[in-house]
Amino acid sequence: MTLTPNRHGSPVSTGTSAATGTAPNLGVAAGRAVAVLRIAYGFTFLWAFVDKVFGLGFATKSGKGWLDGGNPTAGFLKGAEGPFAGFYHSLAGDFWVSPLFMIGLAGIGLALILGVALRLTAVAGTVLYLMMWSAALPPTTNPLIDDHIIGAITLVTLALLAAGRTWGLADRWNNLDIVRRYPWLR
C-alpha cells in the first residue's frame, strides 16, 4: 500500500492493503457518497421485498401481496419476452422460485444497508439483475444497456470499493471468525 498526500497534505492510500484486502481510502466525501449509494440501492431491494410481501399498491397491487396469497414472481416470469422466454415461463409457479426470490431481495437489501457481505451481495445481486435483464430482451430504450445492467455494475463497484466501511458494519463483520476463515463472505 502506498500513501500519497492529498490536496490538503493528508496521506491517502493509493492501493489495496495486502494485510486487510480493503479498497483504497476514498477520502471522506467520496466515502460518504459511496455509502449513500450503497444504502440507496439497499433500500430499492428492501422496498421491493416489502411491497411484494404486503401488496402496498406500488409495484404490487393492493390485495396481491405474498401474505394475501399472491405470487411475487409469476406475473414477471409469465410476461418474459425474448430468447429466454421459454425458460422463464417454465419457472412461473414452481414452489421454490418465489421464496428464493424474496430471500434474495431481503438479503441483498439488508446486506447493502448494513454494509456487510458485499462480495456475496454483489454476486447475488448481479445474478438477479442479469436474470431480470435477460427476461425482457431486447431492452426497449437501448439495445444493450438498461437499469439492470447499471445496477449490476454498481453492486460490483460497491463491493470492490469496500463500501460498507463508511456508515456500515463491514469492519465488525470482517472481524468475525467465520468471515476471516471464509473471505468470500466479506
N, C-alpha and C. Protein backbone atom coordinates (compact mmCIF):
# COMPACT_ATOMS: atom_id res chain seq x y z
N MET A 1 0.85 -1.16 0.00
CA MET A 1 0.00 0.00 0.00
C MET A 1 0.90 1.23 0.00
N THR A 2 0.54 2.19 -0.82
CA THR A 2 1.31 3.42 -0.94
C THR A 2 0.49 4.58 -0.41
N LEU A 3 1.13 5.47 0.34
CA LEU A 3 0.45 6.66 0.84
C LEU A 3 1.00 7.87 0.11
N THR A 4 0.10 8.69 -0.41
CA THR A 4 0.49 9.94 -1.06
C THR A 4 -0.35 11.05 -0.46
N PRO A 5 0.18 12.25 -0.42
CA PRO A 5 -0.60 13.35 0.17
C PRO A 5 -1.72 13.78 -0.76
N ASN A 6 -2.90 14.11 -0.18
CA ASN A 6 -3.98 14.67 -0.98
C ASN A 6 -3.76 16.18 -1.07
N ARG A 7 -4.72 16.90 -1.62
CA ARG A 7 -4.53 18.34 -1.81
C ARG A 7 -4.44 19.12 -0.50
N HIS A 8 -4.84 18.48 0.60
CA HIS A 8 -4.74 19.13 1.91
C HIS A 8 -3.49 18.69 2.65
N GLY A 9 -2.68 17.84 2.03
CA GLY A 9 -1.45 17.38 2.65
C GLY A 9 -1.60 16.15 3.52
N SER A 10 -2.83 15.62 3.65
CA SER A 10 -3.04 14.42 4.44
C SER A 10 -2.73 13.18 3.61
N PRO A 11 -2.15 12.14 4.25
CA PRO A 11 -1.84 10.93 3.48
C PRO A 11 -3.10 10.18 3.08
N VAL A 12 -3.12 9.71 1.85
CA VAL A 12 -4.24 8.94 1.32
C VAL A 12 -3.67 7.69 0.69
N SER A 13 -4.30 6.56 0.95
CA SER A 13 -3.87 5.30 0.36
C SER A 13 -4.15 5.30 -1.13
N THR A 14 -3.19 4.78 -1.90
CA THR A 14 -3.38 4.71 -3.34
C THR A 14 -3.44 3.28 -3.84
N GLY A 15 -3.55 2.34 -2.94
CA GLY A 15 -3.60 0.93 -3.36
C GLY A 15 -4.32 0.10 -2.34
N THR A 16 -4.53 -1.15 -2.67
CA THR A 16 -5.19 -2.07 -1.77
C THR A 16 -4.19 -2.56 -0.74
N SER A 17 -4.62 -2.61 0.49
CA SER A 17 -3.77 -3.10 1.55
C SER A 17 -3.70 -4.62 1.48
N ALA A 18 -2.50 -5.14 1.36
CA ALA A 18 -2.34 -6.59 1.29
C ALA A 18 -2.77 -7.24 2.61
N ALA A 19 -2.58 -6.54 3.71
CA ALA A 19 -2.91 -7.12 5.01
C ALA A 19 -4.41 -7.24 5.22
N THR A 20 -5.17 -6.24 4.81
CA THR A 20 -6.60 -6.26 5.09
C THR A 20 -7.46 -6.55 3.88
N GLY A 21 -6.90 -6.37 2.68
CA GLY A 21 -7.68 -6.59 1.47
C GLY A 21 -8.72 -5.51 1.24
N THR A 22 -8.59 -4.38 1.93
CA THR A 22 -9.59 -3.33 1.79
C THR A 22 -9.26 -2.44 0.60
N ALA A 23 -10.24 -1.75 0.12
CA ALA A 23 -10.08 -0.86 -1.02
C ALA A 23 -9.32 0.38 -0.61
N PRO A 24 -8.84 1.13 -1.58
CA PRO A 24 -8.13 2.36 -1.27
C PRO A 24 -9.02 3.32 -0.47
N ASN A 25 -8.38 4.15 0.33
CA ASN A 25 -9.10 5.18 1.06
C ASN A 25 -9.63 6.19 0.05
N LEU A 26 -10.91 6.37 0.02
CA LEU A 26 -11.53 7.26 -0.96
C LEU A 26 -11.53 8.71 -0.53
N GLY A 27 -11.22 8.95 0.70
CA GLY A 27 -11.39 10.29 1.25
C GLY A 27 -12.77 10.36 1.87
N VAL A 28 -12.97 11.31 2.73
CA VAL A 28 -14.21 11.40 3.50
C VAL A 28 -15.42 11.64 2.60
N ALA A 29 -15.36 12.62 1.72
CA ALA A 29 -16.52 12.95 0.89
C ALA A 29 -16.90 11.81 -0.05
N ALA A 30 -15.90 11.23 -0.71
CA ALA A 30 -16.19 10.13 -1.64
C ALA A 30 -16.69 8.90 -0.89
N GLY A 31 -16.11 8.63 0.27
CA GLY A 31 -16.56 7.50 1.08
C GLY A 31 -18.02 7.65 1.49
N ARG A 32 -18.39 8.86 1.85
CA ARG A 32 -19.78 9.12 2.24
C ARG A 32 -20.72 9.02 1.03
N ALA A 33 -20.27 9.52 -0.11
CA ALA A 33 -21.10 9.43 -1.33
C ALA A 33 -21.32 7.97 -1.72
N VAL A 34 -20.28 7.16 -1.63
CA VAL A 34 -20.41 5.74 -1.94
C VAL A 34 -21.31 5.05 -0.91
N ALA A 35 -21.22 5.46 0.34
CA ALA A 35 -22.10 4.89 1.38
C ALA A 35 -23.56 5.23 1.09
N VAL A 36 -23.82 6.46 0.69
CA VAL A 36 -25.19 6.86 0.34
C VAL A 36 -25.70 6.02 -0.83
N LEU A 37 -24.86 5.81 -1.85
CA LEU A 37 -25.23 4.99 -2.99
C LEU A 37 -25.54 3.56 -2.55
N ARG A 38 -24.70 2.99 -1.68
CA ARG A 38 -24.91 1.63 -1.16
C ARG A 38 -26.23 1.53 -0.42
N ILE A 39 -26.48 2.47 0.47
CA ILE A 39 -27.71 2.44 1.27
C ILE A 39 -28.93 2.64 0.37
N ALA A 40 -28.83 3.54 -0.60
CA ALA A 40 -29.96 3.77 -1.52
C ALA A 40 -30.28 2.51 -2.32
N TYR A 41 -29.26 1.85 -2.83
CA TYR A 41 -29.51 0.59 -3.55
C TYR A 41 -30.10 -0.46 -2.61
N GLY A 42 -29.61 -0.47 -1.37
CA GLY A 42 -30.18 -1.41 -0.39
C GLY A 42 -31.66 -1.19 -0.19
N PHE A 43 -32.06 0.08 -0.10
CA PHE A 43 -33.48 0.37 0.08
C PHE A 43 -34.31 -0.01 -1.15
N THR A 44 -33.74 0.04 -2.35
CA THR A 44 -34.51 -0.38 -3.52
C THR A 44 -34.82 -1.87 -3.44
N PHE A 45 -33.86 -2.67 -3.01
CA PHE A 45 -34.12 -4.11 -2.86
C PHE A 45 -35.07 -4.38 -1.70
N LEU A 46 -34.84 -3.73 -0.57
CA LEU A 46 -35.69 -3.96 0.60
C LEU A 46 -37.11 -3.47 0.35
N TRP A 47 -37.26 -2.35 -0.35
CA TRP A 47 -38.59 -1.85 -0.67
C TRP A 47 -39.32 -2.83 -1.58
N ALA A 48 -38.64 -3.36 -2.59
CA ALA A 48 -39.27 -4.35 -3.48
C ALA A 48 -39.77 -5.54 -2.66
N PHE A 49 -38.97 -5.98 -1.69
CA PHE A 49 -39.37 -7.08 -0.82
C PHE A 49 -40.64 -6.72 -0.03
N VAL A 50 -40.62 -5.58 0.64
CA VAL A 50 -41.76 -5.16 1.47
C VAL A 50 -43.01 -4.99 0.63
N ASP A 51 -42.90 -4.35 -0.53
CA ASP A 51 -44.05 -4.13 -1.40
C ASP A 51 -44.63 -5.46 -1.88
N LYS A 52 -43.77 -6.42 -2.20
CA LYS A 52 -44.24 -7.72 -2.67
C LYS A 52 -44.85 -8.55 -1.54
N VAL A 53 -44.35 -8.39 -0.34
CA VAL A 53 -44.92 -9.13 0.80
C VAL A 53 -46.32 -8.61 1.13
N PHE A 54 -46.46 -7.28 1.21
CA PHE A 54 -47.70 -6.70 1.70
C PHE A 54 -48.64 -6.18 0.61
N GLY A 55 -48.20 -6.13 -0.63
CA GLY A 55 -49.04 -5.58 -1.69
C GLY A 55 -49.45 -4.16 -1.39
N LEU A 56 -48.49 -3.27 -1.31
CA LEU A 56 -48.74 -1.90 -0.88
C LEU A 56 -49.29 -1.00 -1.98
N GLY A 57 -49.48 -1.54 -3.16
CA GLY A 57 -50.08 -0.76 -4.24
C GLY A 57 -49.08 -0.02 -5.12
N PHE A 58 -47.82 -0.29 -4.98
CA PHE A 58 -46.81 0.33 -5.84
C PHE A 58 -46.55 -0.63 -7.01
N ALA A 59 -45.51 -1.44 -6.94
CA ALA A 59 -45.27 -2.43 -8.00
C ALA A 59 -46.21 -3.63 -7.84
N THR A 60 -46.65 -3.87 -6.62
CA THR A 60 -47.56 -4.98 -6.34
C THR A 60 -48.90 -4.41 -5.91
N LYS A 61 -49.95 -4.79 -6.63
CA LYS A 61 -51.28 -4.25 -6.36
C LYS A 61 -51.75 -4.64 -4.97
N SER A 62 -52.53 -3.74 -4.38
CA SER A 62 -53.12 -3.99 -3.08
C SER A 62 -53.95 -5.27 -3.13
N GLY A 63 -53.79 -6.12 -2.13
CA GLY A 63 -54.51 -7.39 -2.08
C GLY A 63 -53.83 -8.50 -2.86
N LYS A 64 -52.72 -8.21 -3.54
CA LYS A 64 -52.00 -9.21 -4.33
C LYS A 64 -50.63 -9.53 -3.73
N GLY A 65 -50.39 -9.08 -2.48
CA GLY A 65 -49.12 -9.34 -1.83
C GLY A 65 -48.94 -10.81 -1.50
N TRP A 66 -47.73 -11.16 -1.16
CA TRP A 66 -47.40 -12.55 -0.84
C TRP A 66 -48.22 -13.03 0.35
N LEU A 67 -48.44 -12.16 1.34
CA LEU A 67 -49.25 -12.54 2.51
C LEU A 67 -50.72 -12.74 2.16
N ASP A 68 -51.16 -12.14 1.06
CA ASP A 68 -52.54 -12.31 0.61
C ASP A 68 -52.70 -13.51 -0.32
N GLY A 69 -51.63 -14.27 -0.51
CA GLY A 69 -51.68 -15.43 -1.39
C GLY A 69 -51.19 -15.14 -2.80
N GLY A 70 -50.74 -13.93 -3.04
CA GLY A 70 -50.20 -13.58 -4.37
C GLY A 70 -48.85 -14.23 -4.60
N ASN A 71 -48.48 -14.34 -5.86
CA ASN A 71 -47.20 -14.91 -6.23
C ASN A 71 -46.30 -13.77 -6.71
N PRO A 72 -45.23 -13.44 -5.96
CA PRO A 72 -44.42 -12.28 -6.31
C PRO A 72 -43.61 -12.41 -7.60
N THR A 73 -43.52 -13.59 -8.18
CA THR A 73 -42.73 -13.77 -9.39
C THR A 73 -43.53 -14.18 -10.61
N ALA A 74 -44.73 -14.69 -10.42
CA ALA A 74 -45.49 -15.29 -11.53
C ALA A 74 -45.76 -14.31 -12.66
N GLY A 75 -46.22 -13.11 -12.35
CA GLY A 75 -46.55 -12.14 -13.39
C GLY A 75 -45.34 -11.75 -14.22
N PHE A 76 -44.23 -11.51 -13.55
CA PHE A 76 -43.00 -11.14 -14.26
C PHE A 76 -42.52 -12.30 -15.14
N LEU A 77 -42.50 -13.51 -14.57
CA LEU A 77 -41.99 -14.65 -15.32
C LEU A 77 -42.90 -15.01 -16.49
N LYS A 78 -44.21 -14.92 -16.30
CA LYS A 78 -45.14 -15.22 -17.39
C LYS A 78 -45.08 -14.17 -18.49
N GLY A 79 -44.65 -12.95 -18.13
CA GLY A 79 -44.56 -11.88 -19.12
C GLY A 79 -43.19 -11.77 -19.78
N ALA A 80 -42.30 -12.72 -19.49
CA ALA A 80 -40.95 -12.68 -20.07
C ALA A 80 -41.03 -12.75 -21.59
N GLU A 81 -40.13 -12.01 -22.22
CA GLU A 81 -40.06 -11.98 -23.68
C GLU A 81 -38.63 -12.23 -24.12
N GLY A 82 -38.45 -12.48 -25.40
CA GLY A 82 -37.12 -12.61 -25.94
C GLY A 82 -36.64 -14.05 -25.97
N PRO A 83 -35.34 -14.23 -26.19
CA PRO A 83 -34.78 -15.56 -26.41
C PRO A 83 -34.87 -16.50 -25.20
N PHE A 84 -35.03 -15.97 -24.00
CA PHE A 84 -35.08 -16.81 -22.81
C PHE A 84 -36.50 -16.95 -22.25
N ALA A 85 -37.48 -16.51 -23.00
CA ALA A 85 -38.87 -16.51 -22.53
C ALA A 85 -39.32 -17.90 -22.09
N GLY A 86 -39.01 -18.91 -22.87
CA GLY A 86 -39.43 -20.27 -22.53
C GLY A 86 -38.88 -20.73 -21.19
N PHE A 87 -37.63 -20.40 -20.94
CA PHE A 87 -37.02 -20.76 -19.66
C PHE A 87 -37.75 -20.09 -18.50
N TYR A 88 -37.99 -18.77 -18.62
CA TYR A 88 -38.65 -18.05 -17.54
C TYR A 88 -40.11 -18.46 -17.38
N HIS A 89 -40.79 -18.75 -18.48
CA HIS A 89 -42.18 -19.23 -18.39
C HIS A 89 -42.22 -20.56 -17.63
N SER A 90 -41.22 -21.40 -17.84
CA SER A 90 -41.20 -22.71 -17.16
C SER A 90 -41.00 -22.58 -15.66
N LEU A 91 -40.40 -21.47 -15.21
CA LEU A 91 -40.18 -21.26 -13.77
C LEU A 91 -41.43 -20.73 -13.06
N ALA A 92 -42.31 -20.08 -13.80
CA ALA A 92 -43.50 -19.48 -13.19
C ALA A 92 -44.32 -20.54 -12.47
N GLY A 93 -44.56 -20.31 -11.20
CA GLY A 93 -45.37 -21.23 -10.42
C GLY A 93 -44.60 -22.32 -9.70
N ASP A 94 -43.31 -22.52 -10.00
CA ASP A 94 -42.53 -23.51 -9.27
C ASP A 94 -42.45 -23.10 -7.79
N PHE A 95 -42.60 -24.07 -6.91
CA PHE A 95 -42.72 -23.80 -5.48
C PHE A 95 -41.51 -23.10 -4.88
N TRP A 96 -40.34 -23.25 -5.44
CA TRP A 96 -39.11 -22.74 -4.86
C TRP A 96 -38.73 -21.35 -5.37
N VAL A 97 -39.34 -20.91 -6.47
CA VAL A 97 -38.90 -19.68 -7.13
C VAL A 97 -39.22 -18.45 -6.29
N SER A 98 -40.45 -18.30 -5.85
CA SER A 98 -40.83 -17.11 -5.09
C SER A 98 -40.10 -17.00 -3.76
N PRO A 99 -40.01 -18.08 -2.95
CA PRO A 99 -39.25 -17.93 -1.70
C PRO A 99 -37.79 -17.57 -1.94
N LEU A 100 -37.15 -18.17 -2.94
CA LEU A 100 -35.76 -17.84 -3.22
C LEU A 100 -35.61 -16.39 -3.67
N PHE A 101 -36.51 -15.93 -4.51
CA PHE A 101 -36.50 -14.55 -4.97
C PHE A 101 -36.69 -13.59 -3.80
N MET A 102 -37.64 -13.88 -2.94
CA MET A 102 -37.93 -13.00 -1.81
C MET A 102 -36.77 -12.98 -0.80
N ILE A 103 -36.17 -14.14 -0.54
CA ILE A 103 -35.00 -14.18 0.33
C ILE A 103 -33.87 -13.36 -0.29
N GLY A 104 -33.72 -13.46 -1.60
CA GLY A 104 -32.70 -12.68 -2.30
C GLY A 104 -32.93 -11.19 -2.16
N LEU A 105 -34.16 -10.74 -2.39
CA LEU A 105 -34.46 -9.31 -2.25
C LEU A 105 -34.16 -8.81 -0.84
N ALA A 106 -34.65 -9.54 0.16
CA ALA A 106 -34.45 -9.12 1.55
C ALA A 106 -32.98 -9.19 1.94
N GLY A 107 -32.32 -10.27 1.59
CA GLY A 107 -30.91 -10.44 1.95
C GLY A 107 -30.01 -9.41 1.30
N ILE A 108 -30.20 -9.17 0.00
CA ILE A 108 -29.40 -8.18 -0.70
C ILE A 108 -29.66 -6.79 -0.13
N GLY A 109 -30.93 -6.47 0.10
CA GLY A 109 -31.27 -5.16 0.65
C GLY A 109 -30.67 -4.93 2.03
N LEU A 110 -30.81 -5.90 2.91
CA LEU A 110 -30.27 -5.74 4.27
C LEU A 110 -28.74 -5.69 4.26
N ALA A 111 -28.11 -6.53 3.46
CA ALA A 111 -26.65 -6.53 3.40
C ALA A 111 -26.12 -5.19 2.91
N LEU A 112 -26.77 -4.63 1.90
CA LEU A 112 -26.33 -3.33 1.39
C LEU A 112 -26.54 -2.23 2.43
N ILE A 113 -27.69 -2.21 3.07
CA ILE A 113 -27.96 -1.19 4.08
C ILE A 113 -26.98 -1.30 5.24
N LEU A 114 -26.71 -2.52 5.68
CA LEU A 114 -25.80 -2.72 6.80
C LEU A 114 -24.33 -2.64 6.39
N GLY A 115 -24.05 -2.80 5.10
CA GLY A 115 -22.68 -2.74 4.62
C GLY A 115 -21.87 -3.99 4.90
N VAL A 116 -22.53 -5.15 4.92
CA VAL A 116 -21.84 -6.41 5.21
C VAL A 116 -21.96 -7.37 4.03
N ALA A 117 -21.02 -8.29 3.96
CA ALA A 117 -21.04 -9.36 2.94
C ALA A 117 -21.21 -8.81 1.53
N LEU A 118 -20.53 -7.72 1.22
CA LEU A 118 -20.75 -7.07 -0.06
C LEU A 118 -20.24 -7.89 -1.25
N ARG A 119 -19.24 -8.74 -1.05
CA ARG A 119 -18.80 -9.62 -2.15
C ARG A 119 -19.91 -10.58 -2.54
N LEU A 120 -20.45 -11.26 -1.55
CA LEU A 120 -21.54 -12.21 -1.79
C LEU A 120 -22.77 -11.48 -2.31
N THR A 121 -23.04 -10.31 -1.75
CA THR A 121 -24.18 -9.50 -2.18
C THR A 121 -24.03 -9.06 -3.63
N ALA A 122 -22.82 -8.68 -4.02
CA ALA A 122 -22.58 -8.26 -5.41
C ALA A 122 -22.84 -9.42 -6.36
N VAL A 123 -22.41 -10.61 -6.00
CA VAL A 123 -22.64 -11.77 -6.86
C VAL A 123 -24.13 -12.08 -6.95
N ALA A 124 -24.80 -12.16 -5.80
CA ALA A 124 -26.23 -12.48 -5.80
C ALA A 124 -27.04 -11.41 -6.51
N GLY A 125 -26.75 -10.16 -6.23
CA GLY A 125 -27.48 -9.06 -6.87
C GLY A 125 -27.23 -9.00 -8.36
N THR A 126 -25.99 -9.25 -8.78
CA THR A 126 -25.68 -9.25 -10.21
C THR A 126 -26.42 -10.38 -10.92
N VAL A 127 -26.45 -11.56 -10.34
CA VAL A 127 -27.20 -12.67 -10.93
C VAL A 127 -28.68 -12.31 -11.05
N LEU A 128 -29.24 -11.73 -9.99
CA LEU A 128 -30.65 -11.33 -10.02
C LEU A 128 -30.89 -10.28 -11.10
N TYR A 129 -30.05 -9.25 -11.14
CA TYR A 129 -30.20 -8.21 -12.16
C TYR A 129 -30.07 -8.79 -13.57
N LEU A 130 -29.10 -9.66 -13.79
CA LEU A 130 -28.91 -10.22 -15.13
C LEU A 130 -30.07 -11.12 -15.54
N MET A 131 -30.65 -11.82 -14.58
CA MET A 131 -31.82 -12.63 -14.89
C MET A 131 -33.01 -11.74 -15.26
N MET A 132 -33.21 -10.66 -14.53
CA MET A 132 -34.31 -9.75 -14.86
C MET A 132 -34.07 -9.09 -16.21
N TRP A 133 -32.81 -8.74 -16.51
CA TRP A 133 -32.46 -8.14 -17.80
C TRP A 133 -32.74 -9.14 -18.93
N SER A 134 -32.32 -10.38 -18.74
CA SER A 134 -32.48 -11.37 -19.81
C SER A 134 -33.92 -11.82 -20.00
N ALA A 135 -34.79 -11.54 -19.04
CA ALA A 135 -36.21 -11.89 -19.17
C ALA A 135 -36.97 -10.89 -20.02
N ALA A 136 -36.33 -9.78 -20.36
CA ALA A 136 -37.02 -8.74 -21.12
C ALA A 136 -36.17 -8.27 -22.30
N LEU A 137 -35.51 -9.21 -22.95
CA LEU A 137 -34.68 -8.85 -24.10
C LEU A 137 -35.52 -8.69 -25.35
N PRO A 138 -35.20 -7.80 -26.24
CA PRO A 138 -34.21 -6.75 -26.08
C PRO A 138 -34.79 -5.61 -25.26
N PRO A 139 -33.94 -4.86 -24.55
CA PRO A 139 -34.43 -3.70 -23.79
C PRO A 139 -35.12 -2.71 -24.73
N THR A 140 -36.11 -2.01 -24.22
CA THR A 140 -36.90 -1.12 -25.08
C THR A 140 -36.26 0.23 -25.32
N THR A 141 -35.37 0.69 -24.44
CA THR A 141 -34.83 2.03 -24.59
C THR A 141 -33.39 2.07 -25.09
N ASN A 142 -32.71 0.92 -25.11
CA ASN A 142 -31.32 0.85 -25.53
C ASN A 142 -31.07 -0.60 -25.93
N PRO A 143 -30.35 -0.88 -26.99
CA PRO A 143 -30.20 -2.27 -27.43
C PRO A 143 -29.44 -3.18 -26.46
N LEU A 144 -28.65 -2.64 -25.56
CA LEU A 144 -27.88 -3.47 -24.64
C LEU A 144 -27.99 -3.09 -23.17
N ILE A 145 -27.92 -1.82 -22.89
CA ILE A 145 -27.80 -1.36 -21.50
C ILE A 145 -29.14 -0.84 -21.00
N ASP A 146 -29.52 -1.30 -19.82
CA ASP A 146 -30.69 -0.74 -19.14
C ASP A 146 -30.37 -0.64 -17.66
N ASP A 147 -31.36 -0.31 -16.85
CA ASP A 147 -31.11 -0.10 -15.42
C ASP A 147 -30.63 -1.37 -14.72
N HIS A 148 -30.95 -2.54 -15.25
CA HIS A 148 -30.48 -3.78 -14.62
C HIS A 148 -28.97 -3.93 -14.77
N ILE A 149 -28.45 -3.60 -15.93
CA ILE A 149 -27.01 -3.68 -16.16
C ILE A 149 -26.29 -2.63 -15.31
N ILE A 150 -26.83 -1.43 -15.26
CA ILE A 150 -26.24 -0.37 -14.43
C ILE A 150 -26.26 -0.80 -12.96
N GLY A 151 -27.35 -1.42 -12.52
CA GLY A 151 -27.44 -1.90 -11.14
C GLY A 151 -26.39 -2.96 -10.85
N ALA A 152 -26.19 -3.90 -11.77
CA ALA A 152 -25.19 -4.95 -11.58
C ALA A 152 -23.79 -4.34 -11.49
N ILE A 153 -23.49 -3.40 -12.38
CA ILE A 153 -22.18 -2.74 -12.35
C ILE A 153 -22.00 -2.00 -11.03
N THR A 154 -23.04 -1.37 -10.56
CA THR A 154 -22.97 -0.62 -9.30
C THR A 154 -22.70 -1.55 -8.12
N LEU A 155 -23.37 -2.70 -8.07
CA LEU A 155 -23.15 -3.63 -6.96
C LEU A 155 -21.71 -4.14 -6.94
N VAL A 156 -21.18 -4.46 -8.11
CA VAL A 156 -19.79 -4.92 -8.18
C VAL A 156 -18.85 -3.80 -7.72
N THR A 157 -19.11 -2.59 -8.17
CA THR A 157 -18.28 -1.45 -7.78
C THR A 157 -18.33 -1.21 -6.28
N LEU A 158 -19.51 -1.30 -5.68
CA LEU A 158 -19.63 -1.12 -4.23
C LEU A 158 -18.81 -2.15 -3.48
N ALA A 159 -18.84 -3.39 -3.96
CA ALA A 159 -18.05 -4.44 -3.30
C ALA A 159 -16.56 -4.17 -3.45
N LEU A 160 -16.14 -3.79 -4.66
CA LEU A 160 -14.72 -3.54 -4.90
C LEU A 160 -14.19 -2.35 -4.09
N LEU A 161 -15.05 -1.39 -3.83
CA LEU A 161 -14.66 -0.21 -3.05
C LEU A 161 -14.79 -0.42 -1.55
N ALA A 162 -15.19 -1.63 -1.13
CA ALA A 162 -15.41 -1.91 0.29
C ALA A 162 -16.33 -0.84 0.88
N ALA A 163 -17.44 -0.61 0.21
CA ALA A 163 -18.35 0.48 0.54
C ALA A 163 -19.01 0.35 1.91
N GLY A 164 -18.94 -0.80 2.52
CA GLY A 164 -19.54 -0.98 3.83
C GLY A 164 -18.70 -0.44 4.98
N ARG A 165 -17.52 0.05 4.68
CA ARG A 165 -16.65 0.57 5.73
C ARG A 165 -17.10 1.94 6.22
N THR A 166 -17.76 2.73 5.38
CA THR A 166 -18.29 4.03 5.79
C THR A 166 -19.77 3.86 6.07
N TRP A 167 -20.19 4.23 7.24
CA TRP A 167 -21.59 4.14 7.68
C TRP A 167 -22.14 2.72 7.54
N GLY A 168 -21.31 1.75 7.73
CA GLY A 168 -21.73 0.36 7.66
C GLY A 168 -21.02 -0.46 8.72
N LEU A 169 -21.35 -1.72 8.74
CA LEU A 169 -20.80 -2.63 9.75
C LEU A 169 -19.71 -3.54 9.18
N ALA A 170 -19.11 -3.16 8.06
CA ALA A 170 -18.14 -4.03 7.39
C ALA A 170 -16.96 -4.37 8.28
N ASP A 171 -16.42 -3.41 9.00
CA ASP A 171 -15.25 -3.69 9.84
C ASP A 171 -15.57 -4.72 10.91
N ARG A 172 -16.71 -4.58 11.55
CA ARG A 172 -17.12 -5.58 12.56
C ARG A 172 -17.38 -6.93 11.91
N TRP A 173 -18.09 -6.91 10.78
CA TRP A 173 -18.40 -8.13 10.04
C TRP A 173 -17.12 -8.86 9.64
N ASN A 174 -16.18 -8.11 9.07
CA ASN A 174 -14.94 -8.71 8.57
C ASN A 174 -14.07 -9.28 9.67
N ASN A 175 -14.29 -8.88 10.93
CA ASN A 175 -13.53 -9.41 12.05
C ASN A 175 -14.16 -10.64 12.68
N LEU A 176 -15.32 -11.06 12.20
CA LEU A 176 -15.92 -12.29 12.69
C LEU A 176 -15.06 -13.48 12.28
N ASP A 177 -14.95 -14.47 13.16
CA ASP A 177 -14.11 -15.64 12.88
C ASP A 177 -14.49 -16.32 11.56
N ILE A 178 -15.77 -16.49 11.33
CA ILE A 178 -16.21 -17.19 10.12
C ILE A 178 -15.85 -16.40 8.85
N VAL A 179 -15.92 -15.08 8.93
CA VAL A 179 -15.58 -14.25 7.77
C VAL A 179 -14.07 -14.26 7.55
N ARG A 180 -13.30 -14.27 8.62
CA ARG A 180 -11.84 -14.40 8.47
C ARG A 180 -11.48 -15.73 7.84
N ARG A 181 -12.19 -16.78 8.23
CA ARG A 181 -11.92 -18.11 7.69
C ARG A 181 -12.36 -18.24 6.24
N TYR A 182 -13.46 -17.57 5.88
CA TYR A 182 -14.00 -17.64 4.52
C TYR A 182 -14.13 -16.22 3.96
N PRO A 183 -13.04 -15.70 3.40
CA PRO A 183 -13.03 -14.28 2.95
C PRO A 183 -14.08 -13.94 1.89
N TRP A 184 -14.61 -14.92 1.20
CA TRP A 184 -15.66 -14.61 0.21
C TRP A 184 -16.91 -14.09 0.89
N LEU A 185 -17.01 -14.21 2.20
CA LEU A 185 -18.15 -13.67 2.94
C LEU A 185 -17.99 -12.18 3.23
N ARG A 186 -16.86 -11.59 2.87
CA ARG A 186 -16.63 -10.16 3.15
C ARG A 186 -17.66 -9.30 2.52
